[in-house]
């Protein structure tokens, strides 16, 4: 879907990351980054 942000049509791109297995026990990570990117510029 195209999202409207600041009156501009935008792509929505989402990146997520999480640790698994034994790493999740010692260093638990649940991170999300999201950007709304102007479709023209």
ModelCIF file with pLDDT and N, C-alpha, C, O atoms, coordinates in Angstrom:
data_MODEL
#
_entry.id   MODEL 
#
_entity.id                         1 
_entity.type                       polymer 
_entity.pdbx_number_of_molecules   1 
#
_entity_poly.entity_id                      1 
_entity_poly.type                           'polypeptide(L)' 
_entity_poly.nstd_linkage                   no 
_entity_poly.nstd_monomer                   no 
_entity_poly.pdbx_seq_one_letter_code       
;(UNK)(UNK)(UNK)(UNK)(UNK)(UNK)(UNK)(UNK)(UNK)(UNK)(UNK)(UNK)(UNK)(UNK)(UNK)(UNK)
(UNK)(UNK)(UNK)(UNK)(UNK)(UNK)(UNK)(UNK)(UNK)(UNK)(UNK)(UNK)(UNK)(UNK)(UNK)(UNK)
(UNK)(UNK)(UNK)(UNK)(UNK)(UNK)(UNK)(UNK)(UNK)
;
_entity_poly.pdbx_seq_one_letter_code_can   XXXXXXXXXXXXXXXXXXXXXXXXXXXXXXXXXXXXXXXXX 
_entity_poly.pdbx_strand_id                 A 
#
loop_
_entity_poly_seq.entity_id 
_entity_poly_seq.num 
_entity_poly_seq.mon_id 
_entity_poly_seq.hetero 
1 1  UNK n 
1 2  UNK n 
1 3  UNK n 
1 4  UNK n 
1 5  UNK n 
1 6  UNK n 
1 7  UNK n 
1 8  UNK n 
1 9  UNK n 
1 10 UNK n 
1 11 UNK n 
1 12 UNK n 
1 13 UNK n 
1 14 UNK n 
1 15 UNK n 
1 16 UNK n 
1 17 UNK n 
1 18 UNK n 
1 19 UNK n 
1 20 UNK n 
1 21 UNK n 
1 22 UNK n 
1 23 UNK n 
1 24 UNK n 
1 25 UNK n 
1 26 UNK n 
1 27 UNK n 
1 28 UNK n 
1 29 UNK n 
1 30 UNK n 
1 31 UNK n 
1 32 UNK n 
1 33 UNK n 
1 34 UNK n 
1 35 UNK n 
1 36 UNK n 
1 37 UNK n 
1 38 UNK n 
1 39 UNK n 
1 40 UNK n 
1 41 UNK n 
#
_struct_asym.id          A 
_struct_asym.entity_id   1 
#
loop_
_ma_qa_metric.id 
_ma_qa_metric.mode 
_ma_qa_metric.name 
_ma_qa_metric.software_group_id 
_ma_qa_metric.type 
1 global pLDDT . pLDDT 
2 local  pLDDT . pLDDT 
#
_ma_qa_metric_global.metric_id      1 
_ma_qa_metric_global.metric_value   94.44 
_ma_qa_metric_global.model_id       1 
_ma_qa_metric_global.ordinal_id     1 
#
loop_
_ma_qa_metric_local.label_asym_id 
_ma_qa_metric_local.label_comp_id 
_ma_qa_metric_local.label_seq_id 
_ma_qa_metric_local.metric_id 
_ma_qa_metric_local.metric_value 
_ma_qa_metric_local.model_id 
_ma_qa_metric_local.ordinal_id 
A UNK 1  2 95.00 1 1  
A UNK 2  2 97.00 1 2  
A UNK 3  2 97.00 1 3  
A UNK 4  2 97.00 1 4  
A UNK 5  2 97.00 1 5  
A UNK 6  2 94.00 1 6  
A UNK 7  2 94.00 1 7  
A UNK 8  2 97.00 1 8  
A UNK 9  2 97.00 1 9  
A UNK 10 2 98.00 1 10 
A UNK 11 2 97.00 1 11 
A UNK 12 2 98.00 1 12 
A UNK 13 2 97.00 1 13 
A UNK 14 2 97.00 1 14 
A UNK 15 2 96.00 1 15 
A UNK 16 2 96.00 1 16 
A UNK 17 2 94.00 1 17 
A UNK 18 2 95.00 1 18 
A UNK 19 2 93.00 1 19 
A UNK 20 2 93.00 1 20 
A UNK 21 2 89.00 1 21 
A UNK 22 2 86.00 1 22 
A UNK 23 2 85.00 1 23 
A UNK 24 2 89.00 1 24 
A UNK 25 2 88.00 1 25 
A UNK 26 2 86.00 1 26 
A UNK 27 2 86.00 1 27 
A UNK 28 2 92.00 1 28 
A UNK 29 2 92.00 1 29 
A UNK 30 2 95.00 1 30 
A UNK 31 2 95.00 1 31 
A UNK 32 2 96.00 1 32 
A UNK 33 2 95.00 1 33 
A UNK 34 2 98.00 1 34 
A UNK 35 2 98.00 1 35 
A UNK 36 2 98.00 1 36 
A UNK 37 2 98.00 1 37 
A UNK 38 2 98.00 1 38 
A UNK 39 2 97.00 1 39 
A UNK 40 2 96.00 1 40 
A UNK 41 2 96.00 1 41 
#
loop_
_atom_site.group_PDB 
_atom_site.id 
_atom_site.type_symbol 
_atom_site.label_atom_id 
_atom_site.label_alt_id 
_atom_site.label_comp_id 
_atom_site.label_asym_id 
_atom_site.label_entity_id 
_atom_site.label_seq_id 
_atom_site.pdbx_PDB_ins_code 
_atom_site.Cartn_x 
_atom_site.Cartn_y 
_atom_site.Cartn_z 
_atom_site.occupancy 
_atom_site.B_iso_or_equiv 
_atom_site.pdbx_formal_charge 
_atom_site.auth_seq_id 
_atom_site.auth_comp_id 
_atom_site.auth_asym_id 
_atom_site.auth_atom_id 
_atom_site.pdbx_PDB_model_num 
ATOM 1   N N  . UNK A 1 1  ? 0.827  -1.207  0.000  1.00 95.00 ? 1  UNK A N  1 
ATOM 2   C CA . UNK A 1 1  ? 0.000  0.000   0.000  1.00 95.00 ? 1  UNK A CA 1 
ATOM 3   C C  . UNK A 1 1  ? 0.861  1.257   0.000  1.00 95.00 ? 1  UNK A C  1 
ATOM 4   O O  . UNK A 1 1  ? 1.973  1.263   0.528  1.00 95.00 ? 1  UNK A O  1 
ATOM 5   N N  . UNK A 1 2  ? 0.331  2.325   -0.601 1.00 97.00 ? 2  UNK A N  1 
ATOM 6   C CA . UNK A 1 2  ? 0.970  3.640   -0.544 1.00 97.00 ? 2  UNK A CA 1 
ATOM 7   C C  . UNK A 1 2  ? 0.363  4.405   0.636  1.00 97.00 ? 2  UNK A C  1 
ATOM 8   O O  . UNK A 1 2  ? -0.859 4.500   0.756  1.00 97.00 ? 2  UNK A O  1 
ATOM 9   N N  . UNK A 1 3  ? 1.209  4.943   1.492  1.00 97.00 ? 3  UNK A N  1 
ATOM 10  C CA . UNK A 1 3  ? 0.770  5.661   2.687  1.00 97.00 ? 3  UNK A CA 1 
ATOM 11  C C  . UNK A 1 3  ? 0.995  7.159   2.496  1.00 97.00 ? 3  UNK A C  1 
ATOM 12  O O  . UNK A 1 3  ? 1.970  7.576   1.871  1.00 97.00 ? 3  UNK A O  1 
ATOM 13  N N  . UNK A 1 4  ? 0.088  7.958   3.037  1.00 97.00 ? 4  UNK A N  1 
ATOM 14  C CA . UNK A 1 4  ? 0.224  9.407   2.930  1.00 97.00 ? 4  UNK A CA 1 
ATOM 15  C C  . UNK A 1 4  ? 0.792  9.950   4.238  1.00 97.00 ? 4  UNK A C  1 
ATOM 16  O O  . UNK A 1 4  ? 0.192  9.781   5.299  1.00 97.00 ? 4  UNK A O  1 
ATOM 17  N N  . UNK A 1 5  ? 1.937  10.595  4.158  1.00 97.00 ? 5  UNK A N  1 
ATOM 18  C CA . UNK A 1 5  ? 2.606  11.177  5.322  1.00 97.00 ? 5  UNK A CA 1 
ATOM 19  C C  . UNK A 1 5  ? 3.046  12.590  4.956  1.00 97.00 ? 5  UNK A C  1 
ATOM 20  O O  . UNK A 1 5  ? 3.676  12.805  3.920  1.00 97.00 ? 5  UNK A O  1 
ATOM 21  N N  . UNK A 1 6  ? 2.714  13.536  5.801  1.00 94.00 ? 6  UNK A N  1 
ATOM 22  C CA . UNK A 1 6  ? 3.026  14.952  5.516  1.00 94.00 ? 6  UNK A CA 1 
ATOM 23  C C  . UNK A 1 6  ? 2.503  15.362  4.137  1.00 94.00 ? 6  UNK A C  1 
ATOM 24  O O  . UNK A 1 6  ? 3.142  16.123  3.411  1.00 94.00 ? 6  UNK A O  1 
ATOM 25  N N  . UNK A 1 7  ? 1.324  14.838  3.801  1.00 94.00 ? 7  UNK A N  1 
ATOM 26  C CA . UNK A 1 7  ? 0.675  15.122  2.510  1.00 94.00 ? 7  UNK A CA 1 
ATOM 27  C C  . UNK A 1 7  ? 1.480  14.645  1.309  1.00 94.00 ? 7  UNK A C  1 
ATOM 28  O O  . UNK A 1 7  ? 1.340  15.172  0.205  1.00 94.00 ? 7  UNK A O  1 
ATOM 29  N N  . UNK A 1 8  ? 2.323  13.645  1.537  1.00 97.00 ? 8  UNK A N  1 
ATOM 30  C CA . UNK A 1 8  ? 3.110  13.069  0.449  1.00 97.00 ? 8  UNK A CA 1 
ATOM 31  C C  . UNK A 1 8  ? 2.843  11.566  0.362  1.00 97.00 ? 8  UNK A C  1 
ATOM 32  O O  . UNK A 1 8  ? 2.744  10.907  1.397  1.00 97.00 ? 8  UNK A O  1 
ATOM 33  N N  . UNK A 1 9  ? 2.722  11.002  -0.859 1.00 97.00 ? 9  UNK A N  1 
ATOM 34  C CA . UNK A 1 9  ? 2.582  9.552   -0.992 1.00 97.00 ? 9  UNK A CA 1 
ATOM 35  C C  . UNK A 1 9  ? 3.915  8.869   -0.668 1.00 97.00 ? 9  UNK A C  1 
ATOM 36  O O  . UNK A 1 9  ? 4.970  9.279   -1.153 1.00 97.00 ? 9  UNK A O  1 
ATOM 37  N N  . UNK A 1 10 ? 3.847  7.831   0.151  1.00 98.00 ? 10 UNK A N  1 
ATOM 38  C CA . UNK A 1 10 ? 5.082  7.207   0.645  1.00 98.00 ? 10 UNK A CA 1 
ATOM 39  C C  . UNK A 1 10 ? 5.009  5.684   0.597  1.00 98.00 ? 10 UNK A C  1 
ATOM 40  O O  . UNK A 1 10 ? 3.951  5.085   0.791  1.00 98.00 ? 10 UNK A O  1 
ATOM 41  N N  . UNK A 1 11 ? 6.176  5.071   0.332  1.00 97.00 ? 11 UNK A N  1 
ATOM 42  C CA . UNK A 1 11 ? 6.355  3.646   0.580  1.00 97.00 ? 11 UNK A CA 1 
ATOM 43  C C  . UNK A 1 11 ? 6.608  3.450   2.076  1.00 97.00 ? 11 UNK A C  1 
ATOM 44  O O  . UNK A 1 11 ? 7.209  4.304   2.728  1.00 97.00 ? 11 UNK A O  1 
ATOM 45  N N  . UNK A 1 12 ? 6.149  2.325   2.608  1.00 98.00 ? 12 UNK A N  1 
ATOM 46  C CA . UNK A 1 12 ? 6.461  1.980   3.999  1.00 98.00 ? 12 UNK A CA 1 
ATOM 47  C C  . UNK A 1 12 ? 7.404  0.785   4.006  1.00 98.00 ? 12 UNK A C  1 
ATOM 48  O O  . UNK A 1 12 ? 7.036  -0.309  3.578  1.00 98.00 ? 12 UNK A O  1 
ATOM 49  N N  . UNK A 1 13 ? 8.630  1.001   4.498  1.00 97.00 ? 13 UNK A N  1 
ATOM 50  C CA . UNK A 1 13 ? 9.641  -0.055  4.561  1.00 97.00 ? 13 UNK A CA 1 
ATOM 51  C C  . UNK A 1 13 ? 9.930  -0.361  6.023  1.00 97.00 ? 13 UNK A C  1 
ATOM 52  O O  . UNK A 1 13 ? 10.222 0.542   6.807  1.00 97.00 ? 13 UNK A O  1 
ATOM 53  N N  . UNK A 1 14 ? 9.847  -1.639  6.389  1.00 97.00 ? 14 UNK A N  1 
ATOM 54  C CA . UNK A 1 14 ? 10.040 -2.052  7.779  1.00 97.00 ? 14 UNK A CA 1 
ATOM 55  C C  . UNK A 1 14 ? 11.120 -3.112  7.866  1.00 97.00 ? 14 UNK A C  1 
ATOM 56  O O  . UNK A 1 14 ? 11.106 -4.089  7.118  1.00 97.00 ? 14 UNK A O  1 
ATOM 57  N N  . UNK A 1 15 ? 12.058 -2.914  8.788  1.00 96.00 ? 15 UNK A N  1 
ATOM 58  C CA . UNK A 1 15 ? 13.126 -3.867  9.055  1.00 96.00 ? 15 UNK A CA 1 
ATOM 59  C C  . UNK A 1 15 ? 13.002 -4.323  10.504 1.00 96.00 ? 15 UNK A C  1 
ATOM 60  O O  . UNK A 1 15 ? 12.883 -3.496  11.408 1.00 96.00 ? 15 UNK A O  1 
ATOM 61  N N  . UNK A 1 16 ? 13.027 -5.630  10.726 1.00 96.00 ? 16 UNK A N  1 
ATOM 62  C CA . UNK A 1 16 ? 12.974 -6.151  12.089 1.00 96.00 ? 16 UNK A CA 1 
ATOM 63  C C  . UNK A 1 16 ? 14.137 -7.098  12.316 1.00 96.00 ? 16 UNK A C  1 
ATOM 64  O O  . UNK A 1 16 ? 14.652 -7.711  11.381 1.00 96.00 ? 16 UNK A O  1 
ATOM 65  N N  . UNK A 1 17 ? 14.543 -7.207  13.571 1.00 94.00 ? 17 UNK A N  1 
ATOM 66  C CA . UNK A 1 17 ? 15.605 -8.131  13.933 1.00 94.00 ? 17 UNK A CA 1 
ATOM 67  C C  . UNK A 1 17 ? 15.371 -8.700  15.315 1.00 94.00 ? 17 UNK A C  1 
ATOM 68  O O  . UNK A 1 17 ? 14.937 -7.990  16.222 1.00 94.00 ? 17 UNK A O  1 
ATOM 69  N N  . UNK A 1 18 ? 15.661 -9.994  15.477 1.00 95.00 ? 18 UNK A N  1 
ATOM 70  C CA . UNK A 1 18 ? 15.524 -10.613 16.795 1.00 95.00 ? 18 UNK A CA 1 
ATOM 71  C C  . UNK A 1 18 ? 16.536 -11.742 16.934 1.00 95.00 ? 18 UNK A C  1 
ATOM 72  O O  . UNK A 1 18 ? 16.825 -12.464 15.980 1.00 95.00 ? 18 UNK A O  1 
ATOM 73  N N  . UNK A 1 19 ? 17.065 -11.875 18.141 1.00 93.00 ? 19 UNK A N  1 
ATOM 74  C CA . UNK A 1 19 ? 17.985 -12.967 18.429 1.00 93.00 ? 19 UNK A CA 1 
ATOM 75  C C  . UNK A 1 19 ? 17.215 -14.276 18.556 1.00 93.00 ? 19 UNK A C  1 
ATOM 76  O O  . UNK A 1 19 ? 16.016 -14.282 18.833 1.00 93.00 ? 19 UNK A O  1 
ATOM 77  N N  . UNK A 1 20 ? 17.931 -15.395 18.347 1.00 93.00 ? 20 UNK A N  1 
ATOM 78  C CA . UNK A 1 20 ? 17.316 -16.713 18.425 1.00 93.00 ? 20 UNK A CA 1 
ATOM 79  C C  . UNK A 1 20 ? 18.221 -17.656 19.212 1.00 93.00 ? 20 UNK A C  1 
ATOM 80  O O  . UNK A 1 20 ? 19.391 -17.360 19.455 1.00 93.00 ? 20 UNK A O  1 
ATOM 81  N N  . UNK A 1 21 ? 17.662 -18.788 19.603 1.00 89.00 ? 21 UNK A N  1 
ATOM 82  C CA . UNK A 1 21 ? 18.445 -19.833 20.250 1.00 89.00 ? 21 UNK A CA 1 
ATOM 83  C C  . UNK A 1 21 ? 19.146 -19.373 21.517 1.00 89.00 ? 21 UNK A C  1 
ATOM 84  O O  . UNK A 1 21 ? 18.585 -18.621 22.313 1.00 89.00 ? 21 UNK A O  1 
ATOM 85  N N  . UNK A 1 22 ? 20.389 -19.837 21.697 1.00 86.00 ? 22 UNK A N  1 
ATOM 86  C CA . UNK A 1 22 ? 21.148 -19.509 22.906 1.00 86.00 ? 22 UNK A CA 1 
ATOM 87  C C  . UNK A 1 22 ? 21.480 -18.024 22.982 1.00 86.00 ? 22 UNK A C  1 
ATOM 88  O O  . UNK A 1 22 ? 21.610 -17.477 24.078 1.00 86.00 ? 22 UNK A O  1 
ATOM 89  N N  . UNK A 1 23 ? 21.621 -17.356 21.818 1.00 85.00 ? 23 UNK A N  1 
ATOM 90  C CA . UNK A 1 23 ? 21.885 -15.919 21.830 1.00 85.00 ? 23 UNK A CA 1 
ATOM 91  C C  . UNK A 1 23 ? 20.725 -15.161 22.482 1.00 85.00 ? 23 UNK A C  1 
ATOM 92  O O  . UNK A 1 23 ? 20.935 -14.140 23.136 1.00 85.00 ? 23 UNK A O  1 
ATOM 93  N N  . UNK A 1 24 ? 19.504 -15.666 22.301 1.00 89.00 ? 24 UNK A N  1 
ATOM 94  C CA . UNK A 1 24 ? 18.341 -14.996 22.862 1.00 89.00 ? 24 UNK A CA 1 
ATOM 95  C C  . UNK A 1 24 ? 18.350 -15.053 24.384 1.00 89.00 ? 24 UNK A C  1 
ATOM 96  O O  . UNK A 1 24 ? 17.773 -14.190 25.045 1.00 89.00 ? 24 UNK A O  1 
ATOM 97  N N  . UNK A 1 25 ? 19.001 -16.065 24.937 1.00 88.00 ? 25 UNK A N  1 
ATOM 98  C CA . UNK A 1 25 ? 19.090 -16.191 26.395 1.00 88.00 ? 25 UNK A CA 1 
ATOM 99  C C  . UNK A 1 25 ? 20.071 -15.177 26.974 1.00 88.00 ? 25 UNK A C  1 
ATOM 100 O O  . UNK A 1 25 ? 19.810 -14.587 28.022 1.00 88.00 ? 25 UNK A O  1 
ATOM 101 N N  . UNK A 1 26 ? 21.187 -14.974 26.299 1.00 86.00 ? 26 UNK A N  1 
ATOM 102 C CA . UNK A 1 26 ? 22.230 -14.084 26.823 1.00 86.00 ? 26 UNK A CA 1 
ATOM 103 C C  . UNK A 1 26 ? 22.042 -12.625 26.377 1.00 86.00 ? 26 UNK A C  1 
ATOM 104 O O  . UNK A 1 26 ? 22.379 -11.703 27.120 1.00 86.00 ? 26 UNK A O  1 
ATOM 105 N N  . UNK A 1 27 ? 21.507 -12.417 25.173 1.00 86.00 ? 27 UNK A N  1 
ATOM 106 C CA . UNK A 1 27 ? 21.328 -11.058 24.653 1.00 86.00 ? 27 UNK A CA 1 
ATOM 107 C C  . UNK A 1 27 ? 20.027 -11.019 23.871 1.00 86.00 ? 27 UNK A C  1 
ATOM 108 O O  . UNK A 1 27 ? 20.007 -11.290 22.671 1.00 86.00 ? 27 UNK A O  1 
ATOM 109 N N  . UNK A 1 28 ? 18.948 -10.682 24.550 1.00 92.00 ? 28 UNK A N  1 
ATOM 110 C CA . UNK A 1 28 ? 17.628 -10.688 23.913 1.00 92.00 ? 28 UNK A CA 1 
ATOM 111 C C  . UNK A 1 28 ? 17.413 -9.386  23.149 1.00 92.00 ? 28 UNK A C  1 
ATOM 112 O O  . UNK A 1 28 ? 17.405 -8.304  23.736 1.00 92.00 ? 28 UNK A O  1 
ATOM 113 N N  . UNK A 1 29 ? 17.238 -9.502  21.836 1.00 92.00 ? 29 UNK A N  1 
ATOM 114 C CA . UNK A 1 29 ? 17.049 -8.329  20.975 1.00 92.00 ? 29 UNK A CA 1 
ATOM 115 C C  . UNK A 1 29 ? 15.731 -8.463  20.231 1.00 92.00 ? 29 UNK A C  1 
ATOM 116 O O  . UNK A 1 29 ? 15.438 -9.502  19.640 1.00 92.00 ? 29 UNK A O  1 
ATOM 117 N N  . UNK A 1 30 ? 14.939 -7.395  20.270 1.00 95.00 ? 30 UNK A N  1 
ATOM 118 C CA . UNK A 1 30 ? 13.707 -7.282  19.474 1.00 95.00 ? 30 UNK A CA 1 
ATOM 119 C C  . UNK A 1 30 ? 13.669 -5.853  18.933 1.00 95.00 ? 30 UNK A C  1 
ATOM 120 O O  . UNK A 1 30 ? 13.140 -4.959  19.594 1.00 95.00 ? 30 UNK A O  1 
ATOM 121 N N  . UNK A 1 31 ? 14.218 -5.631  17.754 1.00 95.00 ? 31 UNK A N  1 
ATOM 122 C CA . UNK A 1 31 ? 14.362 -4.285  17.202 1.00 95.00 ? 31 UNK A CA 1 
ATOM 123 C C  . UNK A 1 31 ? 13.510 -4.119  15.946 1.00 95.00 ? 31 UNK A C  1 
ATOM 124 O O  . UNK A 1 31 ? 13.346 -5.053  15.161 1.00 95.00 ? 31 UNK A O  1 
ATOM 125 N N  . UNK A 1 32 ? 12.972 -2.914  15.775 1.00 96.00 ? 32 UNK A N  1 
ATOM 126 C CA . UNK A 1 32 ? 12.196 -2.570  14.576 1.00 96.00 ? 32 UNK A CA 1 
ATOM 127 C C  . UNK A 1 32 ? 12.604 -1.185  14.105 1.00 96.00 ? 32 UNK A C  1 
ATOM 128 O O  . UNK A 1 32 ? 12.733 -0.257  14.902 1.00 96.00 ? 32 UNK A O  1 
ATOM 129 N N  . UNK A 1 33 ? 12.804 -1.057  12.798 1.00 95.00 ? 33 UNK A N  1 
ATOM 130 C CA . UNK A 1 33 ? 13.054 0.248   12.173 1.00 95.00 ? 33 UNK A CA 1 
ATOM 131 C C  . UNK A 1 33 ? 12.067 0.396   11.015 1.00 95.00 ? 33 UNK A C  1 
ATOM 132 O O  . UNK A 1 33 ? 11.900 -0.525  10.215 1.00 95.00 ? 33 UNK A O  1 
ATOM 133 N N  . UNK A 1 34 ? 11.418 1.553   10.929 1.00 98.00 ? 34 UNK A N  1 
ATOM 134 C CA . UNK A 1 34 ? 10.420 1.753   9.875  1.00 98.00 ? 34 UNK A CA 1 
ATOM 135 C C  . UNK A 1 34 ? 10.586 3.138   9.263  1.00 98.00 ? 34 UNK A C  1 
ATOM 136 O O  . UNK A 1 34 ? 10.736 4.131   9.976  1.00 98.00 ? 34 UNK A O  1 
ATOM 137 N N  . UNK A 1 35 ? 10.559 3.191   7.946  1.00 98.00 ? 35 UNK A N  1 
ATOM 138 C CA . UNK A 1 35 ? 10.702 4.460   7.238  1.00 98.00 ? 35 UNK A CA 1 
ATOM 139 C C  . UNK A 1 35 ? 9.560  4.632   6.251  1.00 98.00 ? 35 UNK A C  1 
ATOM 140 O O  . UNK A 1 35 ? 9.172  3.689   5.562  1.00 98.00 ? 35 UNK A O  1 
ATOM 141 N N  . UNK A 1 36 ? 9.025  5.846   6.191  1.00 98.00 ? 36 UNK A N  1 
ATOM 142 C CA . UNK A 1 36 ? 8.039  6.218   5.180  1.00 98.00 ? 36 UNK A CA 1 
ATOM 143 C C  . UNK A 1 36 ? 8.764  7.074   4.150  1.00 98.00 ? 36 UNK A C  1 
ATOM 144 O O  . UNK A 1 36 ? 9.189  8.191   4.446  1.00 98.00 ? 36 UNK A O  1 
ATOM 145 N N  . UNK A 1 37 ? 8.903  6.541   2.940  1.00 98.00 ? 37 UNK A N  1 
ATOM 146 C CA . UNK A 1 37 ? 9.798  7.104   1.930  1.00 98.00 ? 37 UNK A CA 1 
ATOM 147 C C  . UNK A 1 37 ? 8.984  7.702   0.794  1.00 98.00 ? 37 UNK A C  1 
ATOM 148 O O  . UNK A 1 37 ? 8.162  7.020   0.183  1.00 98.00 ? 37 UNK A O  1 
ATOM 149 N N  . UNK A 1 38 ? 9.216  8.977   0.515  1.00 98.00 ? 38 UNK A N  1 
ATOM 150 C CA . UNK A 1 38 ? 8.511  9.692   -0.544 1.00 98.00 ? 38 UNK A CA 1 
ATOM 151 C C  . UNK A 1 38 ? 8.684  8.951   -1.877 1.00 98.00 ? 38 UNK A C  1 
ATOM 152 O O  . UNK A 1 38 ? 9.809  8.669   -2.290 1.00 98.00 ? 38 UNK A O  1 
ATOM 153 N N  . UNK A 1 39 ? 7.571  8.639   -2.545 1.00 97.00 ? 39 UNK A N  1 
ATOM 154 C CA . UNK A 1 39 ? 7.646  7.842   -3.771 1.00 97.00 ? 39 UNK A CA 1 
ATOM 155 C C  . UNK A 1 39 ? 8.312  8.577   -4.922 1.00 97.00 ? 39 UNK A C  1 
ATOM 156 O O  . UNK A 1 39 ? 8.800  7.944   -5.858 1.00 97.00 ? 39 UNK A O  1 
ATOM 157 N N  . UNK A 1 40 ? 8.339  9.912   -4.866 1.00 96.00 ? 40 UNK A N  1 
ATOM 158 C CA . UNK A 1 40 ? 8.933  10.704  -5.950 1.00 96.00 ? 40 UNK A CA 1 
ATOM 159 C C  . UNK A 1 40 ? 10.394 11.042  -5.685 1.00 96.00 ? 40 UNK A C  1 
ATOM 160 O O  . UNK A 1 40 ? 11.250 10.809  -6.538 1.00 96.00 ? 40 UNK A O  1 
ATOM 161 N N  . UNK A 1 41 ? 10.681 11.587  -4.512 1.00 96.00 ? 41 UNK A N  1 
ATOM 162 C CA . UNK A 1 41 ? 12.043 12.053  -4.206 1.00 96.00 ? 41 UNK A CA 1 
ATOM 163 C C  . UNK A 1 41 ? 12.922 10.971  -3.606 1.00 96.00 ? 41 UNK A C  1 
ATOM 164 O O  . UNK A 1 41 ? 14.088 11.222  -3.301 1.00 96.00 ? 41 UNK A O  1 
#
